Amino acid sequence: MWSQLLVQCPQREIGHYHDLLKQHGASDEVTSIVDNMRRDDRNPLMHPEKFLNMDEAVGLFYLSQTALDRLISDIEKRGFAKEFIP
């Protein structure tokens, strides 16, 4: 399922990824953090006058790390990790 999701994703937008995750039953823990990152961090950062100081950059890095950890945990809980293990 996850490998199909990756193949079927021609739009490279975090909002689109969020919608696909939600449609395919990802946990609320995953979809909420992805939506939070899109709304509060990614969209404002696309403005040329917006810059991050070091503390903000480190915080965003850790938030991204948490999002990936939640996504991986959700994949494992649903038994989809087997698709990626050789």
N, C-alpha and C. Protein backbone atom coordinates (compact mmCIF):
# COMPACT_ATOMS: atom_id res chain seq x y z
N MET A 1 0.81 -1.18 0.00
CA MET A 1 0.00 0.00 0.00
C MET A 1 0.86 1.26 0.00
N TRP A 2 1.86 1.35 0.89
CA TRP A 2 2.70 2.55 0.95
C TRP A 2 3.51 2.72 -0.33
N SER A 3 3.99 1.61 -0.90
CA SER A 3 4.74 1.74 -2.15
C SER A 3 3.83 2.23 -3.27
N GLN A 4 2.58 1.83 -3.27
CA GLN A 4 1.62 2.32 -4.26
C GLN A 4 1.36 3.81 -4.05
N LEU A 5 1.27 4.20 -2.80
CA LEU A 5 1.04 5.61 -2.49
C LEU A 5 2.19 6.46 -3.02
N LEU A 6 3.41 6.00 -2.85
CA LEU A 6 4.56 6.76 -3.34
C LEU A 6 4.56 6.88 -4.85
N VAL A 7 4.19 5.82 -5.53
CA VAL A 7 4.18 5.82 -7.00
C VAL A 7 3.07 6.71 -7.54
N GLN A 8 1.94 6.78 -6.85
CA GLN A 8 0.78 7.51 -7.34
C GLN A 8 0.77 8.97 -6.91
N CYS A 9 1.89 9.56 -6.64
CA CYS A 9 1.92 10.91 -6.10
C CYS A 9 2.69 11.85 -7.03
N PRO A 10 2.07 12.27 -8.15
CA PRO A 10 2.76 13.15 -9.08
C PRO A 10 2.89 14.59 -8.58
N GLN A 11 2.00 15.02 -7.68
CA GLN A 11 2.06 16.38 -7.14
C GLN A 11 2.99 16.39 -5.94
N ARG A 12 3.98 17.26 -5.97
CA ARG A 12 4.94 17.33 -4.87
C ARG A 12 4.62 18.52 -3.98
N GLU A 13 3.46 18.43 -3.30
CA GLU A 13 3.02 19.48 -2.39
C GLU A 13 2.66 18.82 -1.07
N ILE A 14 3.06 19.42 0.03
CA ILE A 14 2.83 18.81 1.33
C ILE A 14 1.34 18.68 1.63
N GLY A 15 0.52 19.60 1.14
CA GLY A 15 -0.93 19.49 1.33
C GLY A 15 -1.49 18.28 0.60
N HIS A 16 -0.97 18.01 -0.57
CA HIS A 16 -1.40 16.83 -1.34
C HIS A 16 -0.96 15.55 -0.63
N TYR A 17 0.26 15.54 -0.11
CA TYR A 17 0.73 14.37 0.65
C TYR A 17 -0.17 14.13 1.87
N HIS A 18 -0.52 15.22 2.55
CA HIS A 18 -1.41 15.11 3.71
C HIS A 18 -2.73 14.47 3.32
N ASP A 19 -3.31 14.95 2.22
CA ASP A 19 -4.60 14.40 1.76
C ASP A 19 -4.48 12.93 1.41
N LEU A 20 -3.41 12.55 0.73
CA LEU A 20 -3.22 11.14 0.38
C LEU A 20 -3.05 10.26 1.61
N LEU A 21 -2.28 10.74 2.58
CA LEU A 21 -2.11 9.98 3.82
C LEU A 21 -3.46 9.78 4.50
N LYS A 22 -4.25 10.83 4.57
CA LYS A 22 -5.56 10.76 5.20
C LYS A 22 -6.48 9.78 4.45
N GLN A 23 -6.49 9.86 3.11
CA GLN A 23 -7.31 8.97 2.29
C GLN A 23 -6.93 7.51 2.47
N HIS A 24 -5.66 7.25 2.73
CA HIS A 24 -5.19 5.88 2.86
C HIS A 24 -5.13 5.41 4.32
N GLY A 25 -5.76 6.16 5.22
CA GLY A 25 -5.94 5.70 6.58
C GLY A 25 -4.77 5.91 7.52
N ALA A 26 -3.88 6.83 7.21
CA ALA A 26 -2.79 7.12 8.15
C ALA A 26 -3.40 7.63 9.45
N SER A 27 -2.71 7.40 10.55
CA SER A 27 -3.25 7.79 11.85
C SER A 27 -3.35 9.31 11.95
N ASP A 28 -4.24 9.75 12.84
CA ASP A 28 -4.39 11.19 13.08
C ASP A 28 -3.09 11.79 13.60
N GLU A 29 -2.32 11.00 14.33
CA GLU A 29 -1.04 11.45 14.86
C GLU A 29 -0.11 11.87 13.71
N VAL A 30 -0.17 11.14 12.61
CA VAL A 30 0.65 11.44 11.43
C VAL A 30 0.08 12.63 10.67
N THR A 31 -1.19 12.57 10.33
CA THR A 31 -1.78 13.61 9.49
C THR A 31 -1.82 14.96 10.19
N SER A 32 -1.99 14.98 11.50
CA SER A 32 -2.05 16.26 12.20
C SER A 32 -0.69 16.96 12.21
N ILE A 33 0.39 16.21 12.41
CA ILE A 33 1.70 16.86 12.43
C ILE A 33 2.10 17.33 11.04
N VAL A 34 1.73 16.56 10.00
CA VAL A 34 2.02 16.98 8.63
C VAL A 34 1.24 18.26 8.30
N ASP A 35 -0.03 18.30 8.68
CA ASP A 35 -0.83 19.50 8.43
C ASP A 35 -0.30 20.69 9.20
N ASN A 36 0.12 20.46 10.44
CA ASN A 36 0.70 21.52 11.26
C ASN A 36 1.96 22.08 10.60
N MET A 37 2.81 21.21 10.11
CA MET A 37 4.04 21.67 9.45
C MET A 37 3.71 22.47 8.20
N ARG A 38 2.73 22.04 7.43
CA ARG A 38 2.33 22.75 6.22
C ARG A 38 1.81 24.14 6.56
N ARG A 39 0.88 24.18 7.49
CA ARG A 39 0.20 25.42 7.82
C ARG A 39 1.10 26.41 8.56
N ASP A 40 1.82 25.94 9.57
CA ASP A 40 2.56 26.85 10.45
C ASP A 40 4.01 27.09 10.05
N ASP A 41 4.59 26.18 9.29
CA ASP A 41 6.01 26.30 9.01
C ASP A 41 6.32 26.42 7.52
N ARG A 42 5.87 25.48 6.74
CA ARG A 42 6.25 25.45 5.33
C ARG A 42 5.67 26.62 4.54
N ASN A 43 4.38 26.87 4.66
CA ASN A 43 3.78 27.95 3.87
C ASN A 43 4.37 29.32 4.20
N PRO A 44 4.52 29.68 5.47
CA PRO A 44 5.14 30.99 5.78
C PRO A 44 6.60 31.08 5.30
N LEU A 45 7.31 29.97 5.29
CA LEU A 45 8.72 30.01 4.89
C LEU A 45 8.91 30.23 3.39
N MET A 46 7.86 30.09 2.61
CA MET A 46 7.98 30.29 1.18
C MET A 46 8.04 31.77 0.80
N HIS A 47 7.79 32.64 1.76
CA HIS A 47 7.88 34.08 1.50
C HIS A 47 9.34 34.52 1.61
N PRO A 48 9.84 35.27 0.63
CA PRO A 48 11.26 35.61 0.59
C PRO A 48 11.74 36.44 1.78
N GLU A 49 10.84 37.15 2.44
CA GLU A 49 11.27 37.98 3.57
C GLU A 49 11.33 37.20 4.89
N LYS A 50 10.94 35.94 4.89
CA LYS A 50 10.94 35.11 6.11
C LYS A 50 12.25 34.34 6.23
N PHE A 51 12.89 34.47 7.37
CA PHE A 51 14.11 33.73 7.66
C PHE A 51 13.97 33.08 9.02
N LEU A 52 14.67 31.98 9.22
CA LEU A 52 14.70 31.31 10.51
C LEU A 52 15.99 31.65 11.23
N ASN A 53 15.88 31.90 12.53
CA ASN A 53 17.11 31.99 13.30
C ASN A 53 17.53 30.57 13.67
N MET A 54 18.64 30.41 14.33
CA MET A 54 19.17 29.07 14.61
C MET A 54 18.21 28.26 15.46
N ASP A 55 17.62 28.85 16.48
CA ASP A 55 16.69 28.11 17.35
C ASP A 55 15.46 27.64 16.57
N GLU A 56 14.93 28.50 15.71
CA GLU A 56 13.78 28.12 14.90
C GLU A 56 14.12 26.99 13.92
N ALA A 57 15.31 27.08 13.32
CA ALA A 57 15.74 26.04 12.38
C ALA A 57 15.91 24.70 13.08
N VAL A 58 16.50 24.70 14.25
CA VAL A 58 16.68 23.46 15.01
C VAL A 58 15.31 22.91 15.43
N GLY A 59 14.41 23.78 15.87
CA GLY A 59 13.07 23.34 16.25
C GLY A 59 12.33 22.71 15.08
N LEU A 60 12.44 23.31 13.91
CA LEU A 60 11.78 22.77 12.72
C LEU A 60 12.41 21.44 12.31
N PHE A 61 13.72 21.33 12.46
CA PHE A 61 14.40 20.06 12.18
C PHE A 61 13.87 18.96 13.09
N TYR A 62 13.75 19.25 14.38
CA TYR A 62 13.25 18.24 15.33
C TYR A 62 11.77 17.92 15.08
N LEU A 63 10.99 18.90 14.68
CA LEU A 63 9.59 18.65 14.33
C LEU A 63 9.51 17.71 13.13
N SER A 64 10.37 17.94 12.14
CA SER A 64 10.42 17.06 10.96
C SER A 64 10.83 15.65 11.36
N GLN A 65 11.78 15.55 12.25
CA GLN A 65 12.23 14.25 12.74
C GLN A 65 11.09 13.53 13.46
N THR A 66 10.31 14.24 14.24
CA THR A 66 9.17 13.65 14.94
C THR A 66 8.12 13.19 13.93
N ALA A 67 7.87 14.00 12.90
CA ALA A 67 6.89 13.61 11.88
C ALA A 67 7.32 12.32 11.19
N LEU A 68 8.58 12.21 10.84
CA LEU A 68 9.08 10.98 10.21
C LEU A 68 8.98 9.79 11.15
N ASP A 69 9.30 10.00 12.42
CA ASP A 69 9.21 8.92 13.41
C ASP A 69 7.77 8.42 13.53
N ARG A 70 6.82 9.35 13.56
CA ARG A 70 5.40 8.96 13.64
C ARG A 70 4.95 8.22 12.38
N LEU A 71 5.41 8.68 11.23
CA LEU A 71 5.05 8.03 9.97
C LEU A 71 5.61 6.61 9.92
N ILE A 72 6.86 6.45 10.29
CA ILE A 72 7.48 5.12 10.29
C ILE A 72 6.78 4.20 11.28
N SER A 73 6.45 4.71 12.46
CA SER A 73 5.72 3.90 13.45
C SER A 73 4.37 3.46 12.91
N ASP A 74 3.67 4.37 12.24
CA ASP A 74 2.36 4.05 11.67
C ASP A 74 2.50 2.98 10.58
N ILE A 75 3.52 3.11 9.76
CA ILE A 75 3.77 2.11 8.71
C ILE A 75 4.03 0.74 9.34
N GLU A 76 4.83 0.71 10.39
CA GLU A 76 5.13 -0.56 11.06
C GLU A 76 3.90 -1.15 11.74
N LYS A 77 3.11 -0.32 12.41
CA LYS A 77 1.90 -0.80 13.09
C LYS A 77 0.92 -1.43 12.10
N ARG A 78 0.86 -0.87 10.91
CA ARG A 78 -0.08 -1.37 9.90
C ARG A 78 0.48 -2.54 9.09
N GLY A 79 1.72 -2.91 9.38
CA GLY A 79 2.32 -4.07 8.72
C GLY A 79 2.83 -3.81 7.32
N PHE A 80 2.98 -2.54 6.95
CA PHE A 80 3.45 -2.20 5.61
C PHE A 80 4.96 -2.15 5.50
N ALA A 81 5.67 -2.18 6.62
CA ALA A 81 7.12 -2.09 6.57
C ALA A 81 7.74 -3.28 5.85
N LYS A 82 7.05 -4.40 5.83
CA LYS A 82 7.57 -5.59 5.17
C LYS A 82 7.82 -5.34 3.69
N GLU A 83 7.07 -4.42 3.09
CA GLU A 83 7.24 -4.11 1.67
C GLU A 83 8.61 -3.50 1.38
N PHE A 84 9.22 -2.88 2.39
CA PHE A 84 10.48 -2.18 2.18
C PHE A 84 11.69 -2.96 2.66
N ILE A 85 11.47 -4.09 3.30
CA ILE A 85 12.58 -4.88 3.82
C ILE A 85 12.95 -5.94 2.77
N PRO A 86 14.22 -5.92 2.30
CA PRO A 86 14.61 -6.90 1.26
C PRO A 86 14.58 -8.33 1.76
